[in-house]
Each structure stands twice: as C-alpha cells, then as structure tokens.
Amino acid sequence: MTTRTVRLGPLSVKMYCAIGMIAVSWAQLEDMVSLCISRLLGTDHTDFLPIASNMQVKARFDALKSIAGLRLPADEAKALIARCDEALELGRERNKILHGSWIQGETDDVAIRLNYRAHGRISTDAPVISAREIAEISDRITMLTEGFAQTLQRLGLFDPKNPMRSPAREAGPVRESGRTPEPSLD
C-alpha cells in the first residue's frame, strides 16, 4: 500500500481554481447545447430557455442527437452526434470532479479524490489528481463547446459577434423535416 501525505484544512487555491474551471466550462457547454437545440428547431433561444432549464443534461444531448438526425445532412449529423457522445463521457469525469470528496495533497498542485461505490459491494479508491489534469479536462470541454459553436456558425445559425441574435431562417443545409426536399417540377 502506498503511503500518501495529506494536509488538513481546505484545498489550495490552485485546486479550487481547477475544480472551478470544470464548473464554468461545463455550464458553457450546457448553454451551447441548448442553443444548438433551439437553433436547429428554428425557435428563438430566449423562448426555448424555460424548456431547456427544465431538461436534465442527458436529455438535452439526446434531444440534440435526435434533432441533428432529422435536420442536418448525414455528415453534419454524424459529427454532431459524436460530439454529443464525447461530451457525455466527459460529463462522467466532470461529475467525479465536482461531486467528489477532496483532500489536499502534499503540494498545492495535487489533491486526493475519495471515491466510494456501493453497487453490490462497497469499494473505494483515492486517486491523486493534479490541478493540471483537471484543467486539461476543462480544456477538452471548452473545445467541445467551440466545436458546437463552429457547427452552428457553419450552418449559418450562430453569429459569434451577437450570439443571442436569432438568424433568419434561410434555405440552407438545415432541413425543415426529416425528408429530403423534392425538386420543383417548374
């Protein structure tokens, strides 16, 4: 068994900041997913916020995946669905970090996360995690958020200079229904 040295008292500022980065980057991701849903549905985002705020995160990702399959060309839908799946995986890491029980490690840049599980039997572990590792997870979440925004921008549904502006519904890569438009007979 490896001996670990811990410090009693609060976590270091470095560890609090790293954990806080996860909270902020995940909140931004949740907001972007809600924006993606409202844009793909063609609704005003502020009108959609009461709905999104009452949806659990997994439900938002599931809704986005479904809407992407209905409204986007196959290649765009596939990429967006993969991004949603990656975000759900990162969500598990986010939950461990934000809801974990932490003890300060021997130096300011590491802490020990106490994990408890009781699925059939009780098991525990206590990995040492650095502020840098947590910051890297936050960076991956931020990159996903940027990827969602870039997809919307590419589709003409997001203006980074005015992100809350609802774009005009123009004919483009976003379909109004799951059916391919029929060519005009004129």
C-alpha atoms as a PDB file:
ATOM      1  CA  MET A   1       0.000   0.000   0.000  1.00  0.00           C
ATOM      2  CA  THR A   2       1.320   3.421  -0.972  1.00  0.00           C
ATOM      3  CA  THR A   3       1.579   5.995   1.777  1.00  0.00           C
ATOM      4  CA  ARG A   4       0.189   9.402   0.899  1.00  0.00           C
ATOM      5  CA  THR A   5       0.785  12.627   2.733  1.00  0.00           C
ATOM      6  CA  VAL A   6      -2.187  14.929   3.050  1.00  0.00           C
ATOM      7  CA  ARG A   7      -2.618  18.368   4.533  1.00  0.00           C
ATOM      8  CA  LEU A   8      -5.511  19.086   6.826  1.00  0.00           C
ATOM      9  CA  GLY A   9      -7.682  22.058   6.040  1.00  0.00           C
ATOM     10  CA  PRO A  10      -9.049  23.487   2.816  1.00  0.00           C
ATOM     11  CA  LEU A  11      -7.795  22.740  -0.666  1.00  0.00           C
ATOM     12  CA  SER A  12      -5.207  25.015  -2.209  1.00  0.00           C
ATOM     13  CA  VAL A  13      -6.226  27.926  -4.421  1.00  0.00           C
ATOM     14  CA  LYS A  14      -4.777  26.010  -7.397  1.00  0.00           C
ATOM     15  CA  MET A  15      -7.079  23.064  -6.770  1.00  0.00           C
ATOM     16  CA  TYR A  16     -10.128  25.261  -6.141  1.00  0.00           C
ATOM     17  CA  CYS A  17      -9.425  27.121  -9.389  1.00  0.00           C
ATOM     18  CA  ALA A  18      -9.037  23.907 -11.375  1.00  0.00           C
ATOM     19  CA  ILE A  19     -12.286  22.493  -9.990  1.00  0.00           C
ATOM     20  CA  GLY A  20     -13.978  25.833 -10.709  1.00  0.00           C
ATOM     21  CA  MET A  21     -12.749  25.682 -14.309  1.00  0.00           C
ATOM     22  CA  ILE A  22     -14.692  22.445 -14.713  1.00  0.00           C
ATOM     23  CA  ALA A  23     -17.877  24.064 -13.375  1.00  0.00           C
ATOM     24  CA  VAL A  24     -17.597  27.076 -15.687  1.00  0.00           C
ATOM     25  CA  SER A  25     -16.623  25.163 -18.826  1.00  0.00           C
ATOM     26  CA  TRP A  26     -19.447  22.647 -18.290  1.00  0.00           C
ATOM     27  CA  ALA A  27     -22.015  25.437 -17.777  1.00  0.00           C
ATOM     28  CA  GLN A  28     -20.880  26.968 -21.077  1.00  0.00           C
ATOM     29  CA  LEU A  29     -21.227  23.584 -22.785  1.00  0.00           C
ATOM     30  CA  GLU A  30     -24.760  23.139 -21.417  1.00  0.00           C
ATOM     31  CA  ASP A  31     -25.691  26.605 -22.693  1.00  0.00           C
ATOM     32  CA  MET A  32     -24.262  25.851 -26.133  1.00  0.00           C
ATOM     33  CA  VAL A  33     -26.155  22.550 -26.344  1.00  0.00           C
ATOM     34  CA  SER A  34     -29.384  24.393 -25.522  1.00  0.00           C
ATOM     35  CA  LEU A  35     -28.541  26.969 -28.188  1.00  0.00           C
ATOM     36  CA  CYS A  36     -27.931  24.186 -30.709  1.00  0.00           C
ATOM     37  CA  ILE A  37     -31.331  22.673 -29.964  1.00  0.00           C
ATOM     38  CA  SER A  38     -33.178  25.977 -30.253  1.00  0.00           C
ATOM     39  CA  ARG A  39     -31.362  26.928 -33.471  1.00  0.00           C
ATOM     40  CA  LEU A  40     -31.976  23.559 -35.118  1.00  0.00           C
ATOM     41  CA  LEU A  41     -35.633  23.737 -34.109  1.00  0.00           C
ATOM     42  CA  GLY A  42     -35.842  27.256 -35.505  1.00  0.00           C
ATOM     43  CA  THR A  43     -37.118  28.733 -32.251  1.00  0.00           C
ATOM     44  CA  ASP A  44     -36.000  31.895 -30.546  1.00  0.00           C
ATOM     45  CA  HIS A  45     -33.439  30.921 -27.946  1.00  0.00           C
ATOM     46  CA  THR A  46     -34.933  33.051 -25.175  1.00  0.00           C
ATOM     47  CA  ASP A  47     -38.299  31.354 -25.809  1.00  0.00           C
ATOM     48  CA  PHE A  48     -36.585  27.962 -25.563  1.00  0.00           C
ATOM     49  CA  LEU A  49     -34.717  28.669 -22.295  1.00  0.00           C
ATOM     50  CA  PRO A  50     -37.657  27.774 -19.977  1.00  0.00           C
ATOM     51  CA  ILE A  51     -37.775  24.365 -21.656  1.00  0.00           C
ATOM     52  CA  ALA A  52     -34.006  23.801 -21.632  1.00  0.00           C
ATOM     53  CA  SER A  53     -33.670  24.819 -18.000  1.00  0.00           C
ATOM     54  CA  ASN A  54     -36.110  22.046 -17.057  1.00  0.00           C
ATOM     55  CA  MET A  55     -34.295  19.342 -19.042  1.00  0.00           C
ATOM     56  CA  GLN A  56     -31.642  17.173 -17.478  1.00  0.00           C
ATOM     57  CA  VAL A  57     -28.309  17.349 -19.263  1.00  0.00           C
ATOM     58  CA  LYS A  58     -28.541  13.856 -20.753  1.00  0.00           C
ATOM     59  CA  ALA A  59     -31.996  14.699 -22.095  1.00  0.00           C
ATOM     60  CA  ARG A  60     -30.576  17.789 -23.806  1.00  0.00           C
ATOM     61  CA  PHE A  61     -27.877  15.733 -25.502  1.00  0.00           C
ATOM     62  CA  ASP A  62     -30.397  13.062 -26.509  1.00  0.00           C
ATOM     63  CA  ALA A  63     -32.698  15.738 -27.945  1.00  0.00           C
ATOM     64  CA  LEU A  64     -29.836  17.356 -29.853  1.00  0.00           C
ATOM     65  CA  LYS A  65     -28.792  14.000 -31.306  1.00  0.00           C
ATOM     66  CA  SER A  66     -32.351  13.305 -32.468  1.00  0.00           C
ATOM     67  CA  ILE A  67     -32.860  16.762 -33.949  1.00  0.00           C
ATOM     68  CA  ALA A  68     -29.477  16.610 -35.687  1.00  0.00           C
ATOM     69  CA  GLY A  69     -30.505  13.341 -37.324  1.00  0.00           C
ATOM     70  CA  LEU A  70     -33.725  14.935 -38.556  1.00  0.00           C
ATOM     71  CA  ARG A  71     -32.500  18.347 -39.604  1.00  0.00           C
ATOM     72  CA  LEU A  72     -28.877  18.063 -40.716  1.00  0.00           C
ATOM     73  CA  PRO A  73     -27.151  16.455 -43.660  1.00  0.00           C
ATOM     74  CA  ALA A  74     -25.859  12.985 -42.717  1.00  0.00           C
ATOM     75  CA  ASP A  75     -22.204  14.023 -42.347  1.00  0.00           C
ATOM     76  CA  GLU A  76     -23.019  17.030 -40.131  1.00  0.00           C
ATOM     77  CA  ALA A  77     -25.432  14.929 -38.046  1.00  0.00           C
ATOM     78  CA  LYS A  78     -22.842  12.191 -37.576  1.00  0.00           C
ATOM     79  CA  ALA A  79     -20.222  14.709 -36.402  1.00  0.00           C
ATOM     80  CA  LEU A  80     -22.647  16.423 -34.025  1.00  0.00           C
ATOM     81  CA  ILE A  81     -23.805  13.094 -32.565  1.00  0.00           C
ATOM     82  CA  ALA A  82     -20.173  12.043 -31.995  1.00  0.00           C
ATOM     83  CA  ARG A  83     -19.540  15.356 -30.246  1.00  0.00           C
ATOM     84  CA  CYS A  84     -22.584  14.734 -28.005  1.00  0.00           C
ATOM     85  CA  ASP A  85     -21.308  11.254 -27.114  1.00  0.00           C
ATOM     86  CA  GLU A  86     -17.874  12.650 -26.265  1.00  0.00           C
ATOM     87  CA  ALA A  87     -19.490  15.298 -24.071  1.00  0.00           C
ATOM     88  CA  LEU A  88     -21.475  12.660 -22.197  1.00  0.00           C
ATOM     89  CA  GLU A  89     -18.245  10.785 -21.482  1.00  0.00           C
ATOM     90  CA  LEU A  90     -16.617  13.982 -20.230  1.00  0.00           C
ATOM     91  CA  GLY A  91     -19.719  14.560 -18.130  1.00  0.00           C
ATOM     92  CA  ARG A  92     -18.839  11.493 -16.108  1.00  0.00           C
ATOM     93  CA  GLU A  93     -15.405  12.968 -15.389  1.00  0.00           C
ATOM     94  CA  ARG A  94     -16.991  16.311 -14.591  1.00  0.00           C
ATOM     95  CA  ASN A  95     -19.300  14.656 -12.065  1.00  0.00           C
ATOM     96  CA  LYS A  96     -16.420  12.877 -10.340  1.00  0.00           C
ATOM     97  CA  ILE A  97     -14.550  16.150 -10.028  1.00  0.00           C
ATOM     98  CA  LEU A  98     -17.420  18.407  -8.953  1.00  0.00           C
ATOM     99  CA  HIS A  99     -19.141  15.926  -6.671  1.00  0.00           C
ATOM    100  CA  GLY A 100     -16.039  14.224  -5.325  1.00  0.00           C
ATOM    101  CA  SER A 101     -14.765  14.365  -1.809  1.00  0.00           C
ATOM    102  CA  TRP A 102     -11.361  16.060  -1.900  1.00  0.00           C
ATOM    103  CA  ILE A 103      -8.405  16.158   0.476  1.00  0.00           C
ATOM    104  CA  GLN A 104      -5.424  18.407  -0.174  1.00  0.00           C
ATOM    105  CA  GLY A 105      -2.312  16.534  -1.227  1.00  0.00           C
ATOM    106  CA  GLU A 106       1.224  17.152  -0.102  1.00  0.00           C
ATOM    107  CA  THR A 107       1.743  20.055  -2.543  1.00  0.00           C
ATOM    108  CA  ASP A 108      -0.576  22.830  -3.732  1.00  0.00           C
ATOM    109  CA  ASP A 109      -0.981  21.338  -7.199  1.00  0.00           C
ATOM    110  CA  VAL A 110      -2.324  17.896  -6.221  1.00  0.00           C
ATOM    111  CA  ALA A 111      -5.286  16.604  -4.252  1.00  0.00           C
ATOM    112  CA  ILE A 112      -6.751  13.220  -3.439  1.00  0.00           C
ATOM    113  CA  ARG A 113     -10.271  12.437  -4.588  1.00  0.00           C
ATOM    114  CA  LEU A 114     -12.036   9.915  -2.385  1.00  0.00           C
ATOM    115  CA  ASN A 115     -14.307   7.649  -4.421  1.00  0.00           C
ATOM    116  CA  TYR A 116     -16.938   5.419  -2.887  1.00  0.00           C
ATOM    117  CA  ARG A 117     -19.153   2.945  -4.722  1.00  0.00           C
ATOM    118  CA  ALA A 118     -21.800   0.625  -3.340  1.00  0.00           C
ATOM    119  CA  HIS A 119     -23.036  -1.410  -6.309  1.00  0.00           C
ATOM    120  CA  GLY A 120     -23.499  -4.859  -4.807  1.00  0.00           C
ATOM    121  CA  ARG A 121     -20.453  -4.341  -2.623  1.00  0.00           C
ATOM    122  CA  ILE A 122     -18.654  -1.347  -1.220  1.00  0.00           C
ATOM    123  CA  SER A 123     -15.451  -0.331  -2.943  1.00  0.00           C
ATOM    124  CA  THR A 124     -13.229   2.697  -2.566  1.00  0.00           C
ATOM    125  CA  ASP A 125     -10.185   4.249  -4.122  1.00  0.00           C
ATOM    126  CA  ALA A 126      -8.352   7.509  -3.684  1.00  0.00           C
ATOM    127  CA  PRO A 127      -6.524   8.677  -6.809  1.00  0.00           C
ATOM    128  CA  VAL A 128      -4.136  11.600  -6.649  1.00  0.00           C
ATOM    129  CA  ILE A 129      -5.132  14.171  -9.236  1.00  0.00           C
ATOM    130  CA  SER A 130      -3.254  17.295 -10.216  1.00  0.00           C
ATOM    131  CA  ALA A 131      -4.678  20.705 -10.995  1.00  0.00           C
ATOM    132  CA  ARG A 132      -3.146  20.336 -14.462  1.00  0.00           C
ATOM    133  CA  GLU A 133      -5.101  17.109 -15.123  1.00  0.00           C
ATOM    134  CA  ILE A 134      -8.328  18.804 -14.097  1.00  0.00           C
ATOM    135  CA  ALA A 135      -7.505  21.829 -16.277  1.00  0.00           C
ATOM    136  CA  GLU A 136      -6.920  19.500 -19.248  1.00  0.00           C
ATOM    137  CA  ILE A 137     -10.411  18.026 -18.806  1.00  0.00           C
ATOM    138  CA  SER A 138     -11.793  21.561 -18.668  1.00  0.00           C
ATOM    139  CA  ASP A 139      -9.927  22.383 -21.891  1.00  0.00           C
ATOM    140  CA  ARG A 140     -11.475  19.347 -23.606  1.00  0.00           C
ATOM    141  CA  ILE A 141     -14.941  20.518 -22.521  1.00  0.00           C
ATOM    142  CA  THR A 142     -14.191  24.008 -23.850  1.00  0.00           C
ATOM    143  CA  MET A 143     -13.025  22.571 -27.179  1.00  0.00           C
ATOM    144  CA  LEU A 144     -16.300  20.649 -27.479  1.00  0.00           C
ATOM    145  CA  THR A 145     -18.254  23.828 -26.803  1.00  0.00           C
ATOM    146  CA  GLU A 146     -16.285  25.598 -29.519  1.00  0.00           C
ATOM    147  CA  GLY A 147     -16.959  22.692 -31.876  1.00  0.00           C
ATOM    148  CA  PHE A 148     -20.719  23.015 -31.344  1.00  0.00           C
ATOM    149  CA  ALA A 149     -20.489  26.771 -31.966  1.00  0.00           C
ATOM    150  CA  GLN A 150     -18.454  26.227 -35.138  1.00  0.00           C
ATOM    151  CA  THR A 151     -21.060  23.776 -36.421  1.00  0.00           C
ATOM    152  CA  LEU A 152     -23.832  26.316 -35.850  1.00  0.00           C
ATOM    153  CA  GLN A 153     -21.735  29.029 -37.465  1.00  0.00           C
ATOM    154  CA  ARG A 154     -21.035  26.844 -40.491  1.00  0.00           C
ATOM    155  CA  LEU A 155     -24.790  26.248 -40.815  1.00  0.00           C
ATOM    156  CA  GLY A 156     -25.458  29.984 -40.613  1.00  0.00           C
ATOM    157  CA  LEU A 157     -27.190  29.622 -37.247  1.00  0.00           C
ATOM    158  CA  PHE A 158     -24.681  31.395 -34.994  1.00  0.00           C
ATOM    159  CA  ASP A 159     -23.134  34.834 -35.097  1.00  0.00           C
ATOM    160  CA  PRO A 160     -20.178  34.994 -32.689  1.00  0.00           C
ATOM    161  CA  LYS A 161     -20.473  38.802 -32.612  1.00  0.00           C
ATOM    162  CA  ASN A 162     -24.085  38.580 -31.444  1.00  0.00           C
ATOM    163  CA  PRO A 163     -24.728  35.013 -30.216  1.00  0.00           C
ATOM    164  CA  MET A 164     -28.261  35.658 -28.924  1.00  0.00           C
ATOM    165  CA  ARG A 165     -29.490  37.059 -32.264  1.00  0.00           C
ATOM    166  CA  SER A 166     -31.847  34.656 -33.961  1.00  0.00           C
ATOM    167  CA  PRO A 167     -30.704  34.175 -37.540  1.00  0.00           C
ATOM    168  CA  ALA A 168     -33.177  34.393 -40.373  1.00  0.00           C
ATOM    169  CA  ARG A 169     -34.470  31.010 -41.453  1.00  0.00           C
ATOM    170  CA  GLU A 170     -32.957  30.644 -44.885  1.00  0.00           C
ATOM    171  CA  ALA A 171     -32.820  27.661 -47.158  1.00  0.00           C
ATOM    172  CA  GLY A 172     -29.509  26.005 -46.479  1.00  0.00           C
ATOM    173  CA  PRO A 173     -28.080  22.834 -45.035  1.00  0.00           C
ATOM    174  CA  VAL A 174     -30.702  22.653 -42.273  1.00  0.00           C
ATOM    175  CA  ARG A 175     -33.808  20.768 -43.388  1.00  0.00           C
ATOM    176  CA  GLU A 176     -37.276  21.616 -42.131  1.00  0.00           C
ATOM    177  CA  SER A 177     -38.130  17.935 -41.737  1.00  0.00           C
ATOM    178  CA  GLY A 178     -36.505  14.551 -41.955  1.00  0.00           C
ATOM    179  CA  ARG A 179     -37.423  14.229 -45.619  1.00  0.00           C
ATOM    180  CA  THR A 180     -35.187  15.322 -48.444  1.00  0.00           C
ATOM    181  CA  PRO A 181     -36.825  18.241 -50.275  1.00  0.00           C
ATOM    182  CA  GLU A 182     -38.464  17.254 -53.531  1.00  0.00           C
ATOM    183  CA  PRO A 183     -37.238  19.046 -56.628  1.00  0.00           C
ATOM    184  CA  SER A 184     -39.551  21.579 -58.181  1.00  0.00           C
ATOM    185  CA  LEU A 185     -41.379  20.494 -61.313  1.00  0.00           C
ATOM    186  CA  ASP A 186     -41.371  24.018 -62.737  1.00  0.00           C
END
